[in-house]
PDB file of N, CA and C in Angstrom:
ATOM      1  N   MET A   1    -108.677-111.297 110.212  1.00  0.00           N
ATOM      2  CA  MET A   1    -107.483-111.418 111.035  1.00  0.00           C
ATOM      3  C   MET A   1    -106.272-111.165 110.165  1.00  0.00           C
ATOM      4  N   THR A   2    -105.301-110.474 110.697  1.00  0.00           N
ATOM      5  CA  THR A   2    -104.095-110.153 109.957  1.00  0.00           C
ATOM      6  C   THR A   2    -102.868-110.580 110.734  1.00  0.00           C
ATOM      7  N   ASP A   3    -101.773-110.759 110.040  1.00  0.00           N
ATOM      8  CA  ASP A   3    -100.522-111.045 110.728  1.00  0.00           C
ATOM      9  C   ASP A   3     -99.654-109.791 110.781  1.00  0.00           C
ATOM     10  N   GLY A   4    -100.231-108.625 110.483  1.00  0.00           N
ATOM     11  CA  GLY A   4     -99.500-107.363 110.472  1.00  0.00           C
ATOM     12  C   GLY A   4     -99.133-106.879 111.857  1.00  0.00           C
ATOM     13  N   THR A   5     -98.118-106.028 111.891  1.00  0.00           N
ATOM     14  CA  THR A   5     -97.609-105.541 113.170  1.00  0.00           C
ATOM     15  C   THR A   5     -98.632-104.684 113.918  1.00  0.00           C
ATOM     16  N   ARG A   6     -99.398-103.898 113.196  1.00  0.00           N
ATOM     17  CA  ARG A   6    -100.338-102.996 113.849  1.00  0.00           C
ATOM     18  C   ARG A   6    -101.347-103.762 114.716  1.00  0.00           C
ATOM     19  N   TYR A   7    -101.762-104.919 114.238  1.00  0.00           N
ATOM     20  CA  TYR A   7    -102.739-105.729 114.967  1.00  0.00           C
ATOM     21  C   TYR A   7    -102.221-106.160 116.334  1.00  0.00           C
ATOM     22  N   TYR A   8    -100.934-106.421 116.433  1.00  0.00           N
ATOM     23  CA  TYR A   8    -100.353-106.964 117.666  1.00  0.00           C
ATOM     24  C   TYR A   8     -99.723-105.908 118.573  1.00  0.00           C
ATOM     25  N   GLU A   9     -99.722-104.648 118.162  1.00  0.00           N
ATOM     26  CA  GLU A   9     -99.009-103.611 118.907  1.00  0.00           C
ATOM     27  C   GLU A   9     -99.407-103.537 120.381  1.00  0.00           C
ATOM     28  N   HIS A  10    -100.691-103.575 120.671  1.00  0.00           N
ATOM     29  CA  HIS A  10    -101.146-103.434 122.055  1.00  0.00           C
ATOM     30  C   HIS A  10    -100.657-104.612 122.903  1.00  0.00           C
ATOM     31  N   LEU A  11    -100.781-105.803 122.379  1.00  0.00           N
ATOM     32  CA  LEU A  11    -100.314-106.990 123.094  1.00  0.00           C
ATOM     33  C   LEU A  11     -98.801-106.916 123.301  1.00  0.00           C
ATOM     34  N   VAL A  12     -98.059-106.565 122.277  1.00  0.00           N
ATOM     35  CA  VAL A  12     -96.601-106.497 122.378  1.00  0.00           C
ATOM     36  C   VAL A  12     -96.178-105.461 123.414  1.00  0.00           C
ATOM     37  N   ALA A  13     -96.831-104.324 123.442  1.00  0.00           N
ATOM     38  CA  ALA A  13     -96.514-103.296 124.442  1.00  0.00           C
ATOM     39  C   ALA A  13     -96.739-103.834 125.855  1.00  0.00           C
ATOM     40  N   GLU A  14     -97.820-104.567 126.052  1.00  0.00           N
ATOM     41  CA  GLU A  14     -98.109-105.166 127.360  1.00  0.00           C
ATOM     42  C   GLU A  14     -97.035-106.183 127.744  1.00  0.00           C
ATOM     43  N   VAL A  15     -96.642-107.016 126.795  1.00  0.00           N
ATOM     44  CA  VAL A  15     -95.621-108.032 127.050  1.00  0.00           C
ATOM     45  C   VAL A  15     -94.290-107.379 127.409  1.00  0.00           C
ATOM     46  N   ILE A  16     -93.888-106.365 126.673  1.00  0.00           N
ATOM     47  CA  ILE A  16     -92.629-105.674 126.954  1.00  0.00           C
ATOM     48  C   ILE A  16     -92.665-105.055 128.345  1.00  0.00           C
ATOM     49  N   SER A  17     -93.793-104.483 128.708  1.00  0.00           N
ATOM     50  CA  SER A  17     -93.947-103.913 130.045  1.00  0.00           C
ATOM     51  C   SER A  17     -93.734-104.979 131.118  1.00  0.00           C
ATOM     52  N   LYS A  18     -94.307-106.153 130.914  1.00  0.00           N
ATOM     53  CA  LYS A  18     -94.139-107.248 131.875  1.00  0.00           C
ATOM     54  C   LYS A  18     -92.695-107.741 131.924  1.00  0.00           C
ATOM     55  N   ILE A  19     -92.067-107.843 130.776  1.00  0.00           N
ATOM     56  CA  ILE A  19     -90.675-108.316 130.727  1.00  0.00           C
ATOM     57  C   ILE A  19     -89.778-107.402 131.553  1.00  0.00           C
ATOM     58  N   TYR A  20     -89.867-106.104 131.299  1.00  0.00           N
ATOM     59  CA  TYR A  20     -88.966-105.165 131.965  1.00  0.00           C
ATOM     60  C   TYR A  20     -89.355-104.912 133.422  1.00  0.00           C
ATOM     61  N   ALA A  21     -90.611-105.101 133.771  1.00  0.00           N
ATOM     62  CA  ALA A  21     -91.007-104.997 135.174  1.00  0.00           C
ATOM     63  C   ALA A  21     -90.450-106.170 135.983  1.00  0.00           C
ATOM     64  N   ASN A  22     -90.389-107.340 135.367  1.00  0.00           N
ATOM     65  CA  ASN A  22     -89.930-108.539 136.063  1.00  0.00           C
ATOM     66  C   ASN A  22     -88.435-108.810 135.910  1.00  0.00           C
ATOM     67  N   ALA A  23     -87.791-108.126 134.993  1.00  0.00           N
ATOM     68  CA  ALA A  23     -86.341-108.275 134.794  1.00  0.00           C
ATOM     69  C   ALA A  23     -85.731-106.908 134.474  1.00  0.00           C
ATOM     70  N   PRO A  24     -85.752-105.988 135.447  1.00  0.00           N
ATOM     71  CA  PRO A  24     -85.272-104.627 135.181  1.00  0.00           C
ATOM     72  C   PRO A  24     -83.792-104.574 134.793  1.00  0.00           C
ATOM     73  N   GLU A  25     -83.047-105.609 135.108  1.00  0.00           N
ATOM     74  CA  GLU A  25     -81.633-105.636 134.720  1.00  0.00           C
ATOM     75  C   GLU A  25     -81.451-105.642 133.205  1.00  0.00           C
ATOM     76  N   LEU A  26     -82.483-106.063 132.492  1.00  0.00           N
ATOM     77  CA  LEU A  26     -82.395-106.064 131.029  1.00  0.00           C
ATOM     78  C   LEU A  26     -82.305-104.645 130.477  1.00  0.00           C
ATOM     79  N   ALA A  27     -82.996-103.710 131.109  1.00  0.00           N
ATOM     80  CA  ALA A  27     -82.935-102.309 130.664  1.00  0.00           C
ATOM     81  C   ALA A  27     -81.530-101.762 130.857  1.00  0.00           C
ATOM     82  N   ASP A  28     -80.898-102.095 131.980  1.00  0.00           N
ATOM     83  CA  ASP A  28     -79.534-101.646 132.222  1.00  0.00           C
ATOM     84  C   ASP A  28     -78.561-102.274 131.236  1.00  0.00           C
ATOM     85  N   ARG A  29     -78.782-103.533 130.932  1.00  0.00           N
ATOM     86  CA  ARG A  29     -77.862-104.279 130.073  1.00  0.00           C
ATOM     87  C   ARG A  29     -77.999-103.911 128.595  1.00  0.00           C
ATOM     88  N   TYR A  30     -79.251-103.727 128.131  1.00  0.00           N
ATOM     89  CA  TYR A  30     -79.480-103.550 126.694  1.00  0.00           C
ATOM     90  C   TYR A  30     -79.990-102.165 126.305  1.00  0.00           C
ATOM     91  N   GLY A  31     -80.449-101.374 127.263  1.00  0.00           N
ATOM     92  CA  GLY A  31     -80.882-100.009 126.987  1.00  0.00           C
ATOM     93  C   GLY A  31     -82.078 -99.913 126.051  1.00  0.00           C
ATOM     94  N   GLU A  32     -82.241 -98.746 125.459  1.00  0.00           N
ATOM     95  CA  GLU A  32     -83.364 -98.482 124.555  1.00  0.00           C
ATOM     96  C   GLU A  32     -83.313 -99.381 123.322  1.00  0.00           C
ATOM     97  N   GLN A  33     -82.120 -99.663 122.850  1.00  0.00           N
ATOM     98  CA  GLN A  33     -81.988-100.553 121.699  1.00  0.00           C
ATOM     99  C   GLN A  33     -82.532-101.942 122.026  1.00  0.00           C
ATOM    100  N   GLY A  34     -82.351-102.383 123.267  1.00  0.00           N
ATOM    101  CA  GLY A  34     -82.881-103.672 123.692  1.00  0.00           C
ATOM    102  C   GLY A  34     -84.401-103.687 123.686  1.00  0.00           C
ATOM    103  N   ILE A  35     -85.011-102.589 124.082  1.00  0.00           N
ATOM    104  CA  ILE A  35     -86.469-102.496 124.078  1.00  0.00           C
ATOM    105  C   ILE A  35     -86.989-102.559 122.642  1.00  0.00           C
ATOM    106  N   MET A  36     -86.309-101.880 121.727  1.00  0.00           N
ATOM    107  CA  MET A  36     -86.725-101.922 120.324  1.00  0.00           C
ATOM    108  C   MET A  36     -86.557-103.328 119.755  1.00  0.00           C
ATOM    109  N   LYS A  37     -85.476-104.008 120.117  1.00  0.00           N
ATOM    110  CA  LYS A  37     -85.250-105.374 119.649  1.00  0.00           C
ATOM    111  C   LYS A  37     -86.286-106.313 120.265  1.00  0.00           C
ATOM    112  N   CYS A  38     -86.639-106.097 121.507  1.00  0.00           N
ATOM    113  CA  CYS A  38     -87.662-106.901 122.177  1.00  0.00           C
ATOM    114  C   CYS A  38     -89.002-106.744 121.464  1.00  0.00           C
ATOM    115  N   ARG A  39     -89.329-105.530 121.070  1.00  0.00           N
ATOM    116  CA  ARG A  39     -90.565-105.281 120.321  1.00  0.00           C
ATOM    117  C   ARG A  39     -90.544-106.060 119.013  1.00  0.00           C
ATOM    118  N   GLU A  40     -89.442-105.947 118.293  1.00  0.00           N
ATOM    119  CA  GLU A  40     -89.294-106.648 117.022  1.00  0.00           C
ATOM    120  C   GLU A  40     -89.421-108.166 117.221  1.00  0.00           C
ATOM    121  N   ASP A  41     -88.749-108.686 118.242  1.00  0.00           N
ATOM    122  CA  ASP A  41     -88.809-110.129 118.524  1.00  0.00           C
ATOM    123  C   ASP A  41     -90.229-110.580 118.837  1.00  0.00           C
ATOM    124  N   ASN A  42     -90.942-109.786 119.623  1.00  0.00           N
ATOM    125  CA  ASN A  42     -92.305-110.170 119.983  1.00  0.00           C
ATOM    126  C   ASN A  42     -93.249-110.118 118.789  1.00  0.00           C
ATOM    127  N   LEU A  43     -93.014-109.195 117.890  1.00  0.00           N
ATOM    128  CA  LEU A  43     -93.816-109.193 116.666  1.00  0.00           C
ATOM    129  C   LEU A  43     -93.527-110.451 115.848  1.00  0.00           C
ATOM    130  N   HIS A  44     -92.271-110.885 115.840  1.00  0.00           N
ATOM    131  CA  HIS A  44     -91.932-112.146 115.169  1.00  0.00           C
ATOM    132  C   HIS A  44     -92.622-113.328 115.853  1.00  0.00           C
ATOM    133  N   HIS A  45     -92.632-113.333 117.178  1.00  0.00           N
ATOM    134  CA  HIS A  45     -93.316-114.414 117.906  1.00  0.00           C
ATOM    135  C   HIS A  45     -94.781-114.487 117.476  1.00  0.00           C
ATOM    136  N   MET A  46     -95.421-113.330 117.416  1.00  0.00           N
ATOM    137  CA  MET A  46     -96.836-113.305 117.075  1.00  0.00           C
ATOM    138  C   MET A  46     -97.071-113.740 115.624  1.00  0.00           C
ATOM    139  N   LYS A  47     -96.199-113.341 114.737  1.00  0.00           N
ATOM    140  CA  LYS A  47     -96.342-113.755 113.340  1.00  0.00           C
ATOM    141  C   LYS A  47     -96.147-115.265 113.204  1.00  0.00           C
ATOM    142  N   HIS A  48     -95.226-115.824 113.976  1.00  0.00           N
ATOM    143  CA  HIS A  48     -95.032-117.275 113.938  1.00  0.00           C
ATOM    144  C   HIS A  48     -96.241-118.004 114.538  1.00  0.00           C
ATOM    145  N   LEU A  49     -96.812-117.445 115.600  1.00  0.00           N
ATOM    146  CA  LEU A  49     -98.044-118.032 116.150  1.00  0.00           C
ATOM    147  C   LEU A  49     -99.156-117.991 115.111  1.00  0.00           C
ATOM    148  N   HIS A  50     -99.278-116.877 114.440  1.00  0.00           N
ATOM    149  CA  HIS A  50    -100.309-116.733 113.417  1.00  0.00           C
ATOM    150  C   HIS A  50    -100.140-117.776 112.313  1.00  0.00           C
ATOM    151  N   THR A  51     -98.905-117.927 111.834  1.00  0.00           N
ATOM    152  CA  THR A  51     -98.633-118.887 110.759  1.00  0.00           C
ATOM    153  C   THR A  51     -98.908-120.314 111.219  1.00  0.00           C
ATOM    154  N   ALA A  52     -98.441-120.653 112.413  1.00  0.00           N
ATOM    155  CA  ALA A  52     -98.689-122.002 112.940  1.00  0.00           C
ATOM    156  C   ALA A  52    -100.181-122.260 113.056  1.00  0.00           C
ATOM    157  N   SER A  53    -100.922-121.262 113.488  1.00  0.00           N
ATOM    158  CA  SER A  53    -102.365-121.401 113.626  1.00  0.00           C
ATOM    159  C   SER A  53    -103.032-121.544 112.258  1.00  0.00           C
ATOM    160  N   ALA A  54    -102.638-120.720 111.309  1.00  0.00           N
ATOM    161  CA  ALA A  54    -103.231-120.776 109.972  1.00  0.00           C
ATOM    162  C   ALA A  54    -103.021-122.139 109.323  1.00  0.00           C
ATOM    163  N   LEU A  55    -101.866-122.751 109.606  1.00  0.00           N
ATOM    164  CA  LEU A  55    -101.552-124.063 109.038  1.00  0.00           C
ATOM    165  C   LEU A  55    -101.926-125.214 109.976  1.00  0.00           C
ATOM    166  N   ARG A  56    -102.432-124.849 111.168  1.00  0.00           N
ATOM    167  CA  ARG A  56    -102.796-125.838 112.197  1.00  0.00           C
ATOM    168  C   ARG A  56    -101.639-126.792 112.476  1.00  0.00           C
ATOM    169  N   ASN A  57    -100.447-126.201 112.626  1.00  0.00           N
ATOM    170  CA  ASN A  57     -99.239-126.978 112.846  1.00  0.00           C
ATOM    171  C   ASN A  57     -98.430-126.362 113.986  1.00  0.00           C
ATOM    172  N   PRO A  58     -98.634-126.822 115.224  1.00  0.00           N
ATOM    173  CA  PRO A  58     -97.917-126.243 116.361  1.00  0.00           C
ATOM    174  C   PRO A  58     -96.406-126.421 116.272  1.00  0.00           C
ATOM    175  N   ASN A  59     -95.954-127.435 115.540  1.00  0.00           N
ATOM    176  CA  ASN A  59     -94.509-127.656 115.435  1.00  0.00           C
ATOM    177  C   ASN A  59     -93.789-126.506 114.741  1.00  0.00           C
ATOM    178  N   LEU A  60     -94.483-125.761 113.915  1.00  0.00           N
ATOM    179  CA  LEU A  60     -93.861-124.587 113.301  1.00  0.00           C
ATOM    180  C   LEU A  60     -93.428-123.596 114.374  1.00  0.00           C
ATOM    181  N   PHE A  61     -94.274-123.390 115.354  1.00  0.00           N
ATOM    182  CA  PHE A  61     -93.922-122.458 116.428  1.00  0.00           C
ATOM    183  C   PHE A  61     -92.897-123.073 117.370  1.00  0.00           C
ATOM    184  N   ILE A  62     -93.069-124.323 117.707  1.00  0.00           N
ATOM    185  CA  ILE A  62     -92.133-124.986 118.621  1.00  0.00           C
ATOM    186  C   ILE A  62     -90.729-125.018 118.017  1.00  0.00           C
ATOM    187  N   ASP A  63     -90.616-125.377 116.748  1.00  0.00           N
ATOM    188  CA  ASP A  63     -89.306-125.400 116.086  1.00  0.00           C
ATOM    189  C   ASP A  63     -88.689-124.004 116.042  1.00  0.00           C
ATOM    190  N   TYR A  64     -89.510-122.995 115.774  1.00  0.00           N
ATOM    191  CA  TYR A  64     -89.044-121.606 115.797  1.00  0.00           C
ATOM    192  C   TYR A  64     -88.498-121.257 117.179  1.00  0.00           C
ATOM    193  N   ALA A  65     -89.205-121.646 118.227  1.00  0.00           N
ATOM    194  CA  ALA A  65     -88.786-121.333 119.592  1.00  0.00           C
ATOM    195  C   ALA A  65     -87.442-121.979 119.920  1.00  0.00           C
ATOM    196  N   VAL A  66     -87.274-123.223 119.541  1.00  0.00           N
ATOM    197  CA  VAL A  66     -86.014-123.929 119.804  1.00  0.00           C
ATOM    198  C   VAL A  66     -84.872-123.255 119.034  1.00  0.00           C
ATOM    199  N   TRP A  67     -85.107-122.946 117.764  1.00  0.00           N
ATOM    200  CA  TRP A  67     -84.109-122.265 116.945  1.00  0.00           C
ATOM    201  C   TRP A  67     -83.736-120.912 117.556  1.00  0.00           C
ATOM    202  N   LEU A  68     -84.742-120.116 117.906  1.00  0.00           N
ATOM    203  CA  LEU A  68     -84.507-118.792 118.469  1.00  0.00           C
ATOM    204  C   LEU A  68     -83.758-118.881 119.787  1.00  0.00           C
ATOM    205  N   ASN A  69     -84.130-119.822 120.636  1.00  0.00           N
ATOM    206  CA  ASN A  69     -83.449-119.967 121.914  1.00  0.00           C
ATOM    207  C   ASN A  69     -81.955-120.214 121.716  1.00  0.00           C
ATOM    208  N   GLY A  70     -81.603-121.041 120.738  1.00  0.00           N
ATOM    209  CA  GLY A  70     -80.195-121.291 120.454  1.00  0.00           C
ATOM    210  C   GLY A  70     -79.452-120.012 120.123  1.00  0.00           C
ATOM    211  N   ILE A  71     -80.065-119.155 119.343  1.00  0.00           N
ATOM    212  CA  ILE A  71     -79.444-117.878 118.973  1.00  0.00           C
ATOM    213  C   ILE A  71     -79.337-116.963 120.196  1.00  0.00           C
ATOM    214  N   LEU A  72     -80.407-116.870 120.965  1.00  0.00           N
ATOM    215  CA  LEU A  72     -80.406-115.977 122.129  1.00  0.00           C
ATOM    216  C   LEU A  72     -79.374-116.403 123.168  1.00  0.00           C
ATOM    217  N   VAL A  73     -79.253-117.691 123.404  1.00  0.00           N
ATOM    218  CA  VAL A  73     -78.288-118.194 124.386  1.00  0.00           C
ATOM    219  C   VAL A  73     -76.858-117.865 123.948  1.00  0.00           C
ATOM    220  N   ILE A  74     -76.586-117.991 122.661  1.00  0.00           N
ATOM    221  CA  ILE A  74     -75.251-117.644 122.141  1.00  0.00           C
ATOM    222  C   ILE A  74     -74.931-116.174 122.426  1.00  0.00           C
ATOM    223  N   HIS A  75     -75.969-115.326 122.420  1.00  0.00           N
ATOM    224  CA  HIS A  75     -75.780-113.889 122.641  1.00  0.00           C
ATOM    225  C   HIS A  75     -75.972-113.469 124.097  1.00  0.00           C
ATOM    226  N   GLY A  76     -75.903-114.427 125.002  1.00  0.00           N
ATOM    227  CA  GLY A  76     -75.890-114.100 126.423  1.00  0.00           C
ATOM    228  C   GLY A  76     -77.235-114.083 127.134  1.00  0.00           C
ATOM    229  N   MET A  77     -78.284-114.391 126.439  1.00  0.00           N
ATOM    230  CA  MET A  77     -79.592-114.460 127.099  1.00  0.00           C
ATOM    231  C   MET A  77     -79.741-115.840 127.737  1.00  0.00           C
ATOM    232  N   GLN A  78     -80.718-115.963 128.601  1.00  0.00           N
ATOM    233  CA  GLN A  78     -81.016-117.243 129.232  1.00  0.00           C
ATOM    234  C   GLN A  78     -82.328-117.773 128.667  1.00  0.00           C
ATOM    235  N   THR A  79     -82.458-119.088 128.638  1.00  0.00           N
ATOM    236  CA  THR A  79     -83.703-119.708 128.178  1.00  0.00           C
ATOM    237  C   THR A  79     -84.890-119.146 128.944  1.00  0.00           C
ATOM    238  N   ARG A  80     -84.703-118.894 130.210  1.00  0.00           N
ATOM    239  CA  ARG A  80     -85.767-118.333 131.055  1.00  0.00           C
ATOM    240  C   ARG A  80     -86.327-117.034 130.474  1.00  0.00           C
ATOM    241  N   HIS A  81     -85.463-116.223 129.876  1.00  0.00           N
ATOM    242  CA  HIS A  81     -85.960-114.969 129.298  1.00  0.00           C
ATOM    243  C   HIS A  81     -86.982-115.248 128.201  1.00  0.00           C
ATOM    244  N   LEU A  82     -86.710-116.231 127.363  1.00  0.00           N
ATOM    245  CA  LEU A  82     -87.636-116.562 126.280  1.00  0.00           C
ATOM    246  C   LEU A  82     -88.900-117.222 126.820  1.00  0.00           C
ATOM    247  N   THR A  83     -88.746-118.163 127.741  1.00  0.00           N
ATOM    248  CA  THR A  83     -89.938-118.840 128.255  1.00  0.00           C
ATOM    249  C   THR A  83     -90.808-117.887 129.072  1.00  0.00           C
ATOM    250  N   ASP A  84     -90.192-116.992 129.817  1.00  0.00           N
ATOM    251  CA  ASP A  84     -90.989-115.971 130.512  1.00  0.00           C
ATOM    252  C   ASP A  84     -91.724-115.105 129.497  1.00  0.00           C
ATOM    253  N   ASN A  85     -91.045-114.736 128.422  1.00  0.00           N
ATOM    254  CA  ASN A  85     -91.671-113.949 127.359  1.00  0.00           C
ATOM    255  C   ASN A  85     -92.911-114.673 126.830  1.00  0.00           C
ATOM    256  N   PHE A  86     -92.780-115.966 126.581  1.00  0.00           N
ATOM    257  CA  PHE A  86     -93.927-116.740 126.088  1.00  0.00           C
ATOM    258  C   PHE A  86     -95.048-116.780 127.121  1.00  0.00           C
ATOM    259  N   ARG A  87     -94.709-116.861 128.388  1.00  0.00           N
ATOM    260  CA  ARG A  87     -95.732-116.830 129.440  1.00  0.00           C
ATOM    261  C   ARG A  87     -96.467-115.490 129.433  1.00  0.00           C
ATOM    262  N   TYR A  88     -95.721-114.402 129.265  1.00  0.00           N
ATOM    263  CA  TYR A  88     -96.343-113.074 129.234  1.00  0.00           C
ATOM    264  C   TYR A  88     -97.248-112.918 128.016  1.00  0.00           C
ATOM    265  N   ILE A  89     -96.848-113.486 126.888  1.00  0.00           N
ATOM    266  CA  ILE A  89     -97.719-113.459 125.719  1.00  0.00           C
ATOM    267  C   ILE A  89     -99.012-114.211 126.043  1.00  0.00           C
ATOM    268  N   SER A  90     -98.888-115.390 126.605  1.00  0.00           N
ATOM    269  CA  SER A  90    -100.070-116.188 126.938  1.00  0.00           C
ATOM    270  C   SER A  90    -101.008-115.426 127.871  1.00  0.00           C
ATOM    271  N   GLU A  91    -100.440-114.757 128.864  1.00  0.00           N
ATOM    272  CA  GLU A  91    -101.237-113.976 129.812  1.00  0.00           C
ATOM    273  C   GLU A  91    -101.918-112.777 129.147  1.00  0.00           C
ATOM    274  N   SER A  92    -101.371-112.315 128.044  1.00  0.00           N
ATOM    275  CA  SER A  92    -101.859-111.097 127.391  1.00  0.00           C
ATOM    276  C   SER A  92    -102.731-111.357 126.172  1.00  0.00           C
ATOM    277  N   LEU A  93    -102.962-112.596 125.838  1.00  0.00           N
ATOM    278  CA  LEU A  93    -103.753-112.906 124.637  1.00  0.00           C
ATOM    279  C   LEU A  93    -105.168-112.332 124.688  1.00  0.00           C
ATOM    280  N   TYR A  94    -105.674-112.089 125.879  1.00  0.00           N
ATOM    281  CA  TYR A  94    -107.017-111.520 126.004  1.00  0.00           C
ATOM    282  C   TYR A  94    -107.123-110.175 125.284  1.00  0.00           C
ATOM    283  N   LEU A  95    -105.977-109.529 125.043  1.00  0.00           N
ATOM    284  CA  LEU A  95    -105.980-108.239 124.353  1.00  0.00           C
ATOM    285  C   LEU A  95    -106.336-108.365 122.871  1.00  0.00           C
ATOM    286  N   LEU A  96    -106.247-109.569 122.338  1.00  0.00           N
ATOM    287  CA  LEU A  96    -106.623-109.805 120.938  1.00  0.00           C
ATOM    288  C   LEU A  96    -108.113-110.130 120.908  1.00  0.00           C
ATOM    289  N   GLU A  97    -108.924-109.133 121.176  1.00  0.00           N
ATOM    290  CA  GLU A  97    -110.358-109.305 121.413  1.00  0.00           C
ATOM    291  C   GLU A  97    -111.127-109.904 120.254  1.00  0.00           C
ATOM    292  N   ASP A  98    -110.665-109.685 119.041  1.00  0.00           N
ATOM    293  CA  ASP A  98    -111.445-110.178 117.918  1.00  0.00           C
ATOM    294  C   ASP A  98    -111.013-111.565 117.428  1.00  0.00           C
ATOM    295  N   LEU A  99    -110.062-112.185 118.127  1.00  0.00           N
ATOM    296  CA  LEU A  99    -109.705-113.567 117.769  1.00  0.00           C
ATOM    297  C   LEU A  99    -110.701-114.524 118.410  1.00  0.00           C
ATOM    298  N   ASP A 100    -111.093-115.530 117.657  1.00  0.00           N
ATOM    299  CA  ASP A 100    -112.034-116.505 118.209  1.00  0.00           C
ATOM    300  C   ASP A 100    -111.329-117.398 119.229  1.00  0.00           C
ATOM    301  N   GLU A 101    -112.129-118.004 120.079  1.00  0.00           N
ATOM    302  CA  GLU A 101    -111.595-118.819 121.173  1.00  0.00           C
ATOM    303  C   GLU A 101    -110.757-120.002 120.686  1.00  0.00           C
ATOM    304  N   PRO A 102    -111.154-120.717 119.619  1.00  0.00           N
ATOM    305  CA  PRO A 102    -110.288-121.812 119.150  1.00  0.00           C
ATOM    306  C   PRO A 102    -108.890-121.333 118.720  1.00  0.00           C
ATOM    307  N   THR A 103    -108.810-120.161 118.122  1.00  0.00           N
ATOM    308  CA  THR A 103    -107.503-119.636 117.726  1.00  0.00           C
ATOM    309  C   THR A 103    -106.689-119.244 118.949  1.00  0.00           C
ATOM    310  N   LEU A 104    -107.326-118.589 119.906  1.00  0.00           N
ATOM    311  CA  LEU A 104    -106.623-118.247 121.145  1.00  0.00           C
ATOM    312  C   LEU A 104    -106.134-119.507 121.858  1.00  0.00           C
ATOM    313  N   ASP A 105    -106.974-120.532 121.890  1.00  0.00           N
ATOM    314  CA  ASP A 105    -106.575-121.799 122.506  1.00  0.00           C
ATOM    315  C   ASP A 105    -105.380-122.409 121.776  1.00  0.00           C
ATOM    316  N   PHE A 106    -105.375-122.318 120.457  1.00  0.00           N
ATOM    317  CA  PHE A 106    -104.259-122.840 119.682  1.00  0.00           C
ATOM    318  C   PHE A 106    -102.986-122.061 119.987  1.00  0.00           C
ATOM    319  N   TYR A 107    -103.070-120.745 120.069  1.00  0.00           N
ATOM    320  CA  TYR A 107    -101.913-119.924 120.445  1.00  0.00           C
ATOM    321  C   TYR A 107    -101.389-120.368 121.813  1.00  0.00           C
ATOM    322  N   ARG A 108    -102.295-120.505 122.773  1.00  0.00           N
ATOM    323  CA  ARG A 108    -101.885-120.926 124.125  1.00  0.00           C
ATOM    324  C   ARG A 108    -101.213-122.293 124.087  1.00  0.00           C
ATOM    325  N   TYR A 109    -101.794-123.207 123.327  1.00  0.00           N
ATOM    326  CA  TYR A 109    -101.204-124.542 123.213  1.00  0.00           C
ATOM    327  C   TYR A 109     -99.781-124.451 122.664  1.00  0.00           C
ATOM    328  N   CYS A 110     -99.579-123.675 121.619  1.00  0.00           N
ATOM    329  CA  CYS A 110     -98.246-123.523 121.024  1.00  0.00           C
ATOM    330  C   CYS A 110     -97.255-122.940 122.033  1.00  0.00           C
ATOM    331  N   LEU A 111     -97.681-121.931 122.752  1.00  0.00           N
ATOM    332  CA  LEU A 111     -96.803-121.298 123.742  1.00  0.00           C
ATOM    333  C   LEU A 111     -96.430-122.272 124.854  1.00  0.00           C
ATOM    334  N   ILE A 112     -97.419-122.995 125.369  1.00  0.00           N
ATOM    335  CA  ILE A 112     -97.168-123.968 126.436  1.00  0.00           C
ATOM    336  C   ILE A 112     -96.262-125.092 125.932  1.00  0.00           C
ATOM    337  N   ALA A 113     -96.503-125.563 124.721  1.00  0.00           N
ATOM    338  CA  ALA A 113     -95.695-126.639 124.155  1.00  0.00           C
ATOM    339  C   ALA A 113     -94.257-126.171 123.935  1.00  0.00           C
ATOM    340  N   ALA A 114     -94.066-124.938 123.496  1.00  0.00           N
ATOM    341  CA  ALA A 114     -92.711-124.411 123.312  1.00  0.00           C
ATOM    342  C   ALA A 114     -91.994-124.285 124.652  1.00  0.00           C
ATOM    343  N   ILE A 115     -92.700-123.797 125.661  1.00  0.00           N
ATOM    344  CA  ILE A 115     -92.113-123.706 126.992  1.00  0.00           C
ATOM    345  C   ILE A 115     -91.698-125.086 127.487  1.00  0.00           C
ATOM    346  N   ALA A 116     -92.573-126.056 127.312  1.00  0.00           N
ATOM    347  CA  ALA A 116     -92.268-127.425 127.743  1.00  0.00           C
ATOM    348  C   ALA A 116     -91.057-127.989 127.011  1.00  0.00           C
ATOM    349  N   GLN A 117     -90.916-127.655 125.745  1.00  0.00           N
ATOM    350  CA  GLN A 117     -89.768-128.117 124.952  1.00  0.00           C
ATOM    351  C   GLN A 117     -88.478-127.472 125.452  1.00  0.00           C
ATOM    352  N   LEU A 118     -88.546-126.198 125.801  1.00  0.00           N
ATOM    353  CA  LEU A 118     -87.369-125.463 126.227  1.00  0.00           C
ATOM    354  C   LEU A 118     -87.007-125.715 127.688  1.00  0.00           C
ATOM    355  N   GLU A 119     -87.999-126.033 128.490  1.00  0.00           N
ATOM    356  CA  GLU A 119     -87.786-126.272 129.916  1.00  0.00           C
ATOM    357  C   GLU A 119     -88.352-127.635 130.307  1.00  0.00           C
ATOM    358  N   PRO A 120     -87.782-128.709 129.806  1.00  0.00           N
ATOM    359  CA  PRO A 120     -88.344-130.032 130.112  1.00  0.00           C
ATOM    360  C   PRO A 120     -88.407-130.269 131.622  1.00  0.00           C
ATOM    361  N   GLY A 121     -89.542-130.774 132.061  1.00  0.00           N
ATOM    362  CA  GLY A 121     -89.708-131.088 133.480  1.00  0.00           C
ATOM    363  C   GLY A 121     -90.158-129.923 134.335  1.00  0.00           C
ATOM    364  N   ILE A 122     -90.201-128.707 133.783  1.00  0.00           N
ATOM    365  CA  ILE A 122     -90.608-127.549 134.579  1.00  0.00           C
ATOM    366  C   ILE A 122     -92.079-127.259 134.397  1.00  0.00           C
ATOM    367  N   GLU A 123     -92.565-127.269 133.152  1.00  0.00           N
ATOM    368  CA  GLU A 123     -93.980-126.973 132.892  1.00  0.00           C
ATOM    369  C   GLU A 123     -94.817-128.210 133.043  1.00  0.00           C
TER     370      GLU A 123
END
């Protein structure tokens, strides 16, 4: 297993497709540069999931999510954009075919816990 970008490319492409299909206004607002930034952000999400999993510490991912949300909100994004992104990642984890089930479960747990932290009372 690697934390390299190439490993996550297929999943990230799927997530970006879901993001822009469900929020087409983002393409109008941010254009092609926004899509490239979204790709970069999702690769960061996956690398943080990988690190949290390797260290068996979900708080690494949750703290990252809270920190990132603060930055995104300052730049005009909504918390919903990030939590939806995490939901799309969770839905797309099946694309990481060679990850074992305990690791996939840990990724899902981290994503759900981050969503719950960002949207208290919703999840």
